[in-house]
Every structure is written in C-alpha cells, then in structure tokens.
Amino acid sequence: MCFEVSPPRTGGSVPEEDARRVGMARRVAAARLRYCGLDGLVDDAKLIVSELVTNAIQHGSGAQVTFTMTVRDGFLYIAVHDETPGRPNAQRACDEAERGRGLFLVNCLATAHGGTWGTSGDGTTWCALALSGGQP
C-alpha cells in the first residue's frame, strides 16, 4: 500500500490525516495476516507496522510512504519505504521520555519471533518475523 503524507513538520507531531493512515496500515496488516492464517502474528505485526509507518511519517522527508508485507522462506517481512535516503538508528530513550522507543520495540519483537530488523540506504526500514508451525 502506498499513500501520500503531509510535508515534514518540526516538533515531531503527526498531522491527524497522517495518523489515520497509520491506523489504516495496521488494519490492512491485521486483515491480511488473518486471511493468510497467521493470526498469531497479528498483535505484534500491528505494533511493528504502527512504529515503522509512524517513524516514516515523523522523520521522513518524502511525499509518500509505501508499506509492504510478504511471506517467503519461512518469514513474514514487513517493510516501510519513505523516500528518505539514509538509515534510521534505534536510540535509547531516557526513562521519562514519552517517545523514542519505536525501533527498540521493533527490535525486541523481531528477536522474540526469531527474526531481525534493519534498514537500507534507500529509505526502507524492514523487519522479519519467523513463522511458527511450519507455515510457508
């Protein structure tokens, strides 16, 4: 799925229209996973999608965000591309911070599912979750 986003804003707030797109991406991910019989991944995948799409909207400089999910080689791959060159870094937020833990959460969830996450220099952040029960 691909959608246009508002121009980047200072202060880190996400415009309401873009926030609705995050929710839409979560719903699409959940529906597709249920359709494919991957119900056990729905909750964690929704959180990962939410974090990656929100990061793309908040920190990206492009005019659109593309979200994809694929299943291959025993893994669910979630990728978000935001047209911003460079690589985001997971940062350690202080205990009192209200934000800044998104990629840390993605890392924890990927690790819990026997997977990993990463970035590419073209503006794509991705996550791979191992499928359980011998699913394709």
Protein backbone atom coordinates (compact mmCIF):
# COMPACT_ATOMS: atom_id res chain seq x y z
CA MET A 1 0.00 0.00 0.00
CA CYS A 2 1.27 3.44 -0.85
CA PHE A 3 -0.05 6.78 0.41
CA GLU A 4 0.88 10.42 0.34
CA VAL A 5 1.87 12.17 3.57
CA SER A 6 1.98 15.76 4.75
CA PRO A 7 5.25 17.66 4.50
CA PRO A 8 7.59 17.06 7.45
CA ARG A 9 6.87 19.24 10.49
CA THR A 10 9.04 20.30 13.36
CA GLY A 11 8.17 19.16 16.85
CA GLY A 12 7.52 15.56 15.88
CA SER A 13 3.72 15.78 15.86
CA VAL A 14 1.87 13.73 13.28
CA PRO A 15 -0.97 15.52 11.45
CA GLU A 16 -4.38 13.94 12.07
CA GLU A 17 -4.77 12.81 8.45
CA ASP A 18 -1.43 11.00 8.60
CA ALA A 19 -2.27 9.47 11.98
CA ARG A 20 -5.37 7.95 10.36
CA ARG A 21 -3.11 6.41 7.72
CA VAL A 22 -1.13 4.66 10.47
CA GLY A 23 -4.36 3.11 11.73
CA MET A 24 -5.32 2.12 8.20
CA ALA A 25 -1.95 0.37 7.72
CA ARG A 26 -2.47 -1.55 10.99
CA ARG A 27 -5.94 -2.68 9.91
CA VAL A 28 -4.71 -3.77 6.47
CA ALA A 29 -1.85 -5.73 8.07
CA ALA A 30 -4.19 -7.45 10.53
CA ALA A 31 -6.73 -8.34 7.87
CA ARG A 32 -4.09 -9.75 5.52
CA LEU A 33 -2.44 -11.81 8.26
CA ARG A 34 -5.79 -13.27 9.35
CA TYR A 35 -6.65 -14.05 5.73
CA CYS A 36 -3.33 -15.93 5.42
CA GLY A 37 -3.95 -17.87 8.66
CA LEU A 38 -1.20 -16.03 10.55
CA ASP A 39 -3.41 -14.93 13.44
CA GLY A 40 -0.61 -15.50 15.98
CA LEU A 41 1.41 -12.66 14.46
CA VAL A 42 -1.38 -10.08 14.25
CA ASP A 43 -0.78 -8.18 17.50
CA ASP A 44 2.98 -7.92 17.18
CA ALA A 45 2.85 -7.16 13.45
CA LYS A 46 0.32 -4.37 14.07
CA LEU A 47 2.68 -2.79 16.61
CA ILE A 48 5.64 -3.10 14.22
CA VAL A 49 3.65 -1.60 11.34
CA SER A 50 2.49 1.22 13.59
CA GLU A 51 6.04 2.05 14.69
CA LEU A 52 7.59 1.84 11.22
CA VAL A 53 4.86 3.84 9.47
CA THR A 54 4.82 6.47 12.23
CA ASN A 55 8.61 6.82 12.01
CA ALA A 56 8.37 7.23 8.24
CA ILE A 57 5.77 9.98 8.63
CA GLN A 58 7.54 11.76 11.50
CA HIS A 59 11.12 11.55 10.31
CA GLY A 60 10.87 11.05 6.57
CA SER A 61 11.29 13.82 4.07
CA GLY A 62 9.43 12.22 1.18
CA ALA A 63 5.93 12.90 -0.05
CA GLN A 64 4.76 9.30 0.20
CA VAL A 65 5.16 6.18 2.30
CA THR A 66 4.98 2.63 0.96
CA PHE A 67 4.18 -0.29 3.26
CA THR A 68 4.58 -3.93 2.15
CA MET A 69 4.22 -7.35 3.76
CA THR A 70 5.45 -10.55 2.16
CA VAL A 71 5.84 -14.14 3.29
CA ARG A 72 8.80 -16.08 1.97
CA ASP A 73 11.37 -18.58 3.15
CA GLY A 74 9.61 -19.08 6.50
CA PHE A 75 9.48 -15.38 7.43
CA LEU A 76 6.96 -12.57 7.40
CA TYR A 77 8.70 -9.48 6.01
CA ILE A 78 7.32 -6.05 6.86
CA ALA A 79 8.89 -3.11 5.06
CA VAL A 80 8.22 0.63 5.04
CA HIS A 81 9.81 2.93 2.47
CA ASP A 82 9.69 6.70 2.94
CA GLU A 83 11.89 8.07 0.11
CA THR A 84 14.40 9.44 2.62
CA PRO A 85 18.00 8.46 1.95
CA GLY A 86 19.98 7.30 4.95
CA ARG A 87 19.38 4.90 7.77
CA PRO A 88 17.42 5.41 10.97
CA ASN A 89 19.07 4.30 14.20
CA ALA A 90 17.50 2.78 17.26
CA GLN A 91 18.12 5.11 20.15
CA ARG A 92 17.88 4.64 23.86
CA ALA A 93 15.21 6.90 25.33
CA CYS A 94 15.51 8.11 28.90
CA ASP A 95 13.03 6.68 31.39
CA GLU A 96 10.91 9.85 31.42
CA ALA A 97 10.71 10.22 27.62
CA GLU A 98 7.27 9.89 26.04
CA ARG A 99 8.69 8.82 22.67
CA GLY A 100 11.82 7.43 21.12
CA ARG A 101 11.36 3.70 21.71
CA GLY A 102 9.87 2.65 18.36
CA LEU A 103 12.85 0.90 16.82
CA PHE A 104 13.78 -0.57 20.20
CA LEU A 105 10.31 -2.17 20.29
CA VAL A 106 10.67 -3.38 16.70
CA ASN A 107 13.99 -4.99 17.64
CA CYS A 108 12.51 -6.68 20.72
CA LEU A 109 9.53 -8.07 18.80
CA ALA A 110 11.66 -9.27 15.89
CA THR A 111 14.05 -11.02 18.29
CA ALA A 112 11.15 -12.61 20.19
CA HIS A 113 9.92 -14.09 16.89
CA GLY A 114 13.31 -15.42 15.84
CA GLY A 115 13.82 -12.65 13.34
CA THR A 116 15.62 -9.39 12.87
CA TRP A 117 15.19 -5.87 11.52
CA GLY A 118 17.27 -3.47 9.53
CA THR A 119 17.45 -0.55 7.15
CA SER A 120 18.66 0.10 3.65
CA GLY A 121 20.19 3.27 2.36
CA ASP A 122 17.21 3.93 0.08
CA GLY A 123 14.83 4.85 2.91
CA THR A 124 13.45 1.39 3.69
CA THR A 125 13.17 0.02 7.20
CA TRP A 126 12.22 -3.65 7.40
CA CYS A 127 11.51 -6.36 9.91
CA ALA A 128 11.47 -10.16 9.51
CA LEU A 129 9.46 -12.40 11.83
CA ALA A 130 9.93 -16.17 11.71
CA LEU A 131 6.76 -18.13 11.07
CA SER A 132 5.97 -20.90 13.51
CA GLY A 133 4.26 -24.21 12.94
CA GLY A 134 5.83 -24.83 9.56
CA GLN A 135 3.72 -22.24 7.78
CA PRO A 136 5.03 -21.10 4.36
